[in-house]
C-alpha atoms as a PDB file:
ATOM      1  CA  GLU A   1       0.000   0.000   0.000  1.00  0.00           C
ATOM      2  CA  VAL A   2       1.354   3.394  -1.014  1.00  0.00           C
ATOM      3  CA  GLN A   3       1.493   5.897   1.810  1.00  0.00           C
ATOM      4  CA  LEU A   4       2.717   9.459   2.065  1.00  0.00           C
ATOM      5  CA  GLN A   5       2.432  11.111   5.441  1.00  0.00           C
ATOM      6  CA  ALA A   6       3.181  14.793   5.905  1.00  0.00           C
ATOM      7  CA  SER A   7       4.014  15.952   9.414  1.00  0.00           C
ATOM      8  CA  GLY A   8       5.718  18.719  11.315  1.00  0.00           C
ATOM      9  CA  GLY A   9       3.291  21.559  10.768  1.00  0.00           C
ATOM     10  CA  GLY A  10       2.303  23.960  13.493  1.00  0.00           C
ATOM     11  CA  LEU A  11       1.827  27.542  14.553  1.00  0.00           C
ATOM     12  CA  VAL A  12       4.722  29.946  14.097  1.00  0.00           C
ATOM     13  CA  GLN A  13       5.161  33.705  14.117  1.00  0.00           C
ATOM     14  CA  ALA A  14       5.979  35.577  10.936  1.00  0.00           C
ATOM     15  CA  GLY A  15       9.707  35.481  10.350  1.00  0.00           C
ATOM     16  CA  GLY A  16       9.996  32.106  12.039  1.00  0.00           C
ATOM     17  CA  TYR A  17      10.752  28.700  10.619  1.00  0.00           C
ATOM     18  CA  LEU A  18       9.435  25.147  10.422  1.00  0.00           C
ATOM     19  CA  ARG A  19      10.586  21.909   8.861  1.00  0.00           C
ATOM     20  CA  ILE A  20       7.905  19.592   7.565  1.00  0.00           C
ATOM     21  CA  SER A  21       8.494  15.997   6.560  1.00  0.00           C
ATOM     22  CA  CYS A  22       6.984  13.567   4.082  1.00  0.00           C
ATOM     23  CA  LEU A  23       7.474   9.942   5.065  1.00  0.00           C
ATOM     24  CA  THR A  24       6.759   7.548   2.208  1.00  0.00           C
ATOM     25  CA  SER A  25       6.285   3.811   1.809  1.00  0.00           C
ATOM     26  CA  GLY A  26       4.863   1.292  -0.625  1.00  0.00           C
ATOM     27  CA  PHE A  27       6.778   2.337  -3.742  1.00  0.00           C
ATOM     28  CA  THR A  28      10.374   2.532  -4.947  1.00  0.00           C
ATOM     29  CA  PHE A  29      11.387   5.871  -3.489  1.00  0.00           C
ATOM     30  CA  GLU A  30      14.330   6.434  -5.820  1.00  0.00           C
ATOM     31  CA  ASP A  31      12.128   6.067  -8.931  1.00  0.00           C
ATOM     32  CA  TYR A  32       9.896   8.997  -8.049  1.00  0.00           C
ATOM     33  CA  GLY A  33       9.996  12.720  -7.529  1.00  0.00           C
ATOM     34  CA  ILE A  34       8.277  14.176  -4.480  1.00  0.00           C
ATOM     35  CA  GLY A  35       6.439  17.455  -4.681  1.00  0.00           C
ATOM     36  CA  TRP A  36       5.097  19.725  -1.982  1.00  0.00           C
ATOM     37  CA  PHE A  37       1.800  21.526  -2.534  1.00  0.00           C
ATOM     38  CA  ARG A  38      -0.272  23.798  -0.360  1.00  0.00           C
ATOM     39  CA  GLU A  39      -3.902  24.787  -0.120  1.00  0.00           C
ATOM     40  CA  ALA A  40      -5.068  27.892   1.680  1.00  0.00           C
ATOM     41  CA  PRO A  41      -8.735  28.665   2.386  1.00  0.00           C
ATOM     42  CA  GLY A  42     -10.370  30.215  -0.659  1.00  0.00           C
ATOM     43  CA  LYS A  43      -7.310  29.673  -2.858  1.00  0.00           C
ATOM     44  CA  GLU A  44      -6.345  27.124  -5.463  1.00  0.00           C
ATOM     45  CA  ARG A  45      -3.801  24.460  -4.707  1.00  0.00           C
ATOM     46  CA  GLU A  46      -0.291  25.748  -5.349  1.00  0.00           C
ATOM     47  CA  GLY A  47       2.808  23.790  -6.206  1.00  0.00           C
ATOM     48  CA  VAL A  48       5.576  24.772  -3.788  1.00  0.00           C
ATOM     49  CA  SER A  49       8.581  22.635  -4.599  1.00  0.00           C
ATOM     50  CA  CYS A  50       9.624  19.344  -6.127  1.00  0.00           C
ATOM     51  CA  ILE A  51      12.703  17.163  -5.946  1.00  0.00           C
ATOM     52  CA  SER A  52      13.551  14.510  -8.492  1.00  0.00           C
ATOM     53  CA  LEU A  53      14.903  11.550  -6.597  1.00  0.00           C
ATOM     54  CA  SER A  54      16.668  10.011  -9.596  1.00  0.00           C
ATOM     55  CA  ASP A  55      18.884  12.977 -10.491  1.00  0.00           C
ATOM     56  CA  GLY A  56      18.371  15.453  -7.675  1.00  0.00           C
ATOM     57  CA  ASN A  57      16.785  18.169  -9.827  1.00  0.00           C
ATOM     58  CA  ILE A  58      14.938  20.689  -7.688  1.00  0.00           C
ATOM     59  CA  GLY A  59      12.366  23.363  -8.409  1.00  0.00           C
ATOM     60  CA  TYR A  60      10.609  26.033  -6.377  1.00  0.00           C
ATOM     61  CA  ALA A  61       7.658  28.313  -6.830  1.00  0.00           C
ATOM     62  CA  ASP A  62       8.681  31.954  -7.150  1.00  0.00           C
ATOM     63  CA  SER A  63       6.772  32.735  -3.961  1.00  0.00           C
ATOM     64  CA  VAL A  64       9.105  30.577  -1.848  1.00  0.00           C
ATOM     65  CA  LYS A  65      12.454  30.846  -3.635  1.00  0.00           C
ATOM     66  CA  GLY A  66      15.213  31.826  -1.262  1.00  0.00           C
ATOM     67  CA  ARG A  67      13.130  30.922   1.800  1.00  0.00           C
ATOM     68  CA  PHE A  68      12.244  27.242   1.404  1.00  0.00           C
ATOM     69  CA  THR A  69      14.627  24.344   0.872  1.00  0.00           C
ATOM     70  CA  ILE A  70      13.617  20.836  -0.173  1.00  0.00           C
ATOM     71  CA  SER A  71      15.816  17.854   0.618  1.00  0.00           C
ATOM     72  CA  ARG A  72      15.629  14.089   0.877  1.00  0.00           C
ATOM     73  CA  GLU A  73      16.999  11.171   2.842  1.00  0.00           C
ATOM     74  CA  ASN A  74      16.789   8.107   0.639  1.00  0.00           C
ATOM     75  CA  PHE A  75      17.505   5.620   3.420  1.00  0.00           C
ATOM     76  CA  LYS A  76      14.519   6.997   5.314  1.00  0.00           C
ATOM     77  CA  SER A  77      12.311   7.361   2.213  1.00  0.00           C
ATOM     78  CA  THR A  78      11.625  10.853   3.476  1.00  0.00           C
ATOM     79  CA  VAL A  79      11.549  14.304   1.915  1.00  0.00           C
ATOM     80  CA  TYR A  80      11.786  17.491   3.948  1.00  0.00           C
ATOM     81  CA  LEU A  81      10.761  21.075   3.365  1.00  0.00           C
ATOM     82  CA  GLN A  82      12.678  23.598   5.434  1.00  0.00           C
ATOM     83  CA  MET A  83      10.664  26.794   5.555  1.00  0.00           C
ATOM     84  CA  ASN A  84      12.439  29.928   6.756  1.00  0.00           C
ATOM     85  CA  ASN A  85      11.321  33.530   7.070  1.00  0.00           C
ATOM     86  CA  LEU A  86       7.705  32.407   7.055  1.00  0.00           C
ATOM     87  CA  ARG A  87       5.037  34.872   6.044  1.00  0.00           C
ATOM     88  CA  PHE A  88       1.369  35.095   6.878  1.00  0.00           C
ATOM     89  CA  GLU A  89       0.574  34.142   3.276  1.00  0.00           C
ATOM     90  CA  ASP A  90       2.403  30.821   3.734  1.00  0.00           C
ATOM     91  CA  THR A  91      -0.473  29.695   5.953  1.00  0.00           C
ATOM     92  CA  ALA A  92      -1.981  26.591   4.350  1.00  0.00           C
ATOM     93  CA  VAL A  93      -2.346  22.842   4.536  1.00  0.00           C
ATOM     94  CA  TYR A  94       0.791  21.360   3.017  1.00  0.00           C
ATOM     95  CA  TYR A  95       0.636  18.086   1.104  1.00  0.00           C
ATOM     96  CA  CYS A  96       3.293  15.885  -0.435  1.00  0.00           C
ATOM     97  CA  SER A  97       2.808  13.871  -3.573  1.00  0.00           C
ATOM     98  CA  ALA A  98       4.754  11.366  -5.657  1.00  0.00           C
ATOM     99  CA  THR A  99       5.374  11.697  -9.369  1.00  0.00           C
ATOM    100  CA  ARG A 100       7.500   9.959 -11.976  1.00  0.00           C
ATOM    101  CA  ILE A 101       8.816  13.349 -13.051  1.00  0.00           C
ATOM    102  CA  CYS A 102       8.502  16.750 -11.409  1.00  0.00           C
ATOM    103  CA  GLY A 103       5.930  18.800 -13.283  1.00  0.00           C
ATOM    104  CA  GLY A 104       4.218  15.701 -14.606  1.00  0.00           C
ATOM    105  CA  GLU A 105       1.272  13.783 -13.294  1.00  0.00           C
ATOM    106  CA  TYR A 106       1.248  13.253  -9.541  1.00  0.00           C
ATOM    107  CA  GLU A 107       0.189   9.692  -8.814  1.00  0.00           C
ATOM    108  CA  TYR A 108       0.028   9.422  -5.057  1.00  0.00           C
ATOM    109  CA  TRP A 109      -1.078  11.909  -2.435  1.00  0.00           C
ATOM    110  CA  GLY A 110      -0.865  11.923   1.309  1.00  0.00           C
ATOM    111  CA  ARG A 111      -2.720  13.634   4.091  1.00  0.00           C
ATOM    112  CA  GLY A 112      -1.595  17.172   4.739  1.00  0.00           C
ATOM    113  CA  THR A 113      -0.114  19.033   7.645  1.00  0.00           C
ATOM    114  CA  GLN A 114      -1.362  22.444   8.745  1.00  0.00           C
ATOM    115  CA  VAL A 115       1.080  25.355   8.791  1.00  0.00           C
ATOM    116  CA  THR A 116      -0.213  28.527  10.395  1.00  0.00           C
ATOM    117  CA  VAL A 117       1.826  31.717  10.403  1.00  0.00           C
ATOM    118  CA  SER A 118       0.665  34.479  12.708  1.00  0.00           C
ATOM    119  CA  SER A 119       1.292  38.038  11.640  1.00  0.00           C
END
């Protein structure tokens, strides 16, 4: 059974930081890219970042470039999103998803983790 579990969200003041994690199982981790998405109330889902596990290619949305860093630990089948200098507009439920190629179709989705940034 494929599982992706996001965790590590919470409440933080603007300017603060959080690291959220995506623990995966049930598929060959190295064959997939992992993307982070977020959904805020009243807004469309937004792609935040993606890391290709086969070649390490990384991409970020313009809104988070320079503040967020995506990384992976293959032996733990886990991807992380380090979020620094958080802003009120980063408040959202963050989801991770697995894809054969970043920017392509995302096949598997996990439950999200809530990130709330107070202004």
